[in-house]
Amino acid sequence: MTAARNLPPEAQDEIARVVLMMATDEEPVYVLSPEEKASLAKSREQSRRGEYATDEQVRAIWAKHGL
């Protein structure tokens, strides 16, 4: 217990989330990081403007990951 109390508040919060997930039957909720939220907002805005990746760009990404 003492070790957990000495952790930063963010780490204590994460421990509490994990323990609560383990104690319930509910599916865990993923919380987006600020970077992920910004990326999602950018993607949605591009979609609203009709800006999508070209077929060539998609093929390049697939090739980069061996797909």
Protein backbone atom coordinates (compact mmCIF):
# COMPACT_ATOMS: atom_id res chain seq x y z
CA MET A 1 0.00 0.00 0.00
CA THR A 2 2.75 2.46 0.83
CA ALA A 3 4.36 2.01 -2.57
CA ALA A 4 1.09 2.90 -4.32
CA ARG A 5 0.59 5.97 -2.13
CA ASN A 6 4.04 7.22 -3.10
CA LEU A 7 3.22 7.08 -6.83
CA PRO A 8 2.21 10.20 -8.75
CA PRO A 9 -1.56 10.84 -8.82
CA GLU A 10 -1.79 9.85 -12.50
CA ALA A 11 -0.27 6.43 -11.77
CA GLN A 12 -2.60 5.96 -8.80
CA ASP A 13 -5.58 6.79 -11.03
CA GLU A 14 -4.44 4.23 -13.61
CA ILE A 15 -4.07 1.56 -10.92
CA ALA A 16 -7.57 2.35 -9.67
CA ARG A 17 -8.99 2.07 -13.22
CA VAL A 18 -7.36 -1.32 -13.72
CA VAL A 19 -8.59 -2.64 -10.38
CA LEU A 20 -12.14 -1.43 -11.09
CA MET A 21 -12.07 -3.04 -14.54
CA MET A 22 -11.00 -6.32 -12.99
CA ALA A 23 -13.74 -6.08 -10.36
CA THR A 24 -16.59 -5.62 -12.85
CA ASP A 25 -17.93 -7.46 -15.85
CA GLU A 26 -18.06 -4.29 -17.91
CA GLU A 27 -15.95 -3.82 -20.99
CA PRO A 28 -13.09 -1.40 -20.40
CA VAL A 29 -13.48 2.08 -21.83
CA TYR A 30 -10.51 3.33 -23.79
CA VAL A 31 -9.66 6.95 -23.06
CA LEU A 32 -8.06 8.79 -25.95
CA SER A 33 -4.85 10.69 -25.30
CA PRO A 34 -4.75 14.38 -26.23
CA GLU A 35 -2.70 13.45 -29.32
CA GLU A 36 -5.27 10.83 -30.37
CA LYS A 37 -8.12 13.31 -29.85
CA ALA A 38 -6.34 15.88 -32.01
CA SER A 39 -5.66 13.31 -34.73
CA LEU A 40 -9.29 12.20 -34.73
CA ALA A 41 -10.52 15.80 -34.92
CA LYS A 42 -8.16 16.44 -37.85
CA SER A 43 -9.40 13.31 -39.64
CA ARG A 44 -13.04 14.27 -39.14
CA GLU A 45 -12.40 17.75 -40.49
CA GLN A 46 -10.64 16.33 -43.55
CA SER A 47 -13.58 13.98 -44.08
CA ARG A 48 -16.06 16.87 -43.88
CA ARG A 49 -14.08 18.64 -46.60
CA GLY A 50 -14.05 15.48 -48.73
CA GLU A 51 -10.30 15.04 -48.39
CA TYR A 52 -9.42 11.35 -48.57
CA ALA A 53 -6.26 9.41 -49.29
CA THR A 54 -5.68 8.55 -52.93
CA ASP A 55 -5.48 4.92 -54.03
CA GLU A 56 -1.74 5.42 -54.47
CA GLN A 57 -1.34 6.70 -50.90
CA VAL A 58 -3.31 3.76 -49.52
CA ARG A 59 -1.21 1.28 -51.51
CA ALA A 60 1.97 2.94 -50.21
CA ILE A 61 0.82 2.55 -46.60
CA TRP A 62 -0.15 -1.08 -47.20
CA ALA A 63 3.23 -1.77 -48.79
CA LYS A 64 5.03 -0.07 -45.90
CA HIS A 65 3.38 -2.54 -43.51
CA GLY A 66 3.74 -5.58 -45.74
CA LEU A 67 0.08 -5.82 -46.71
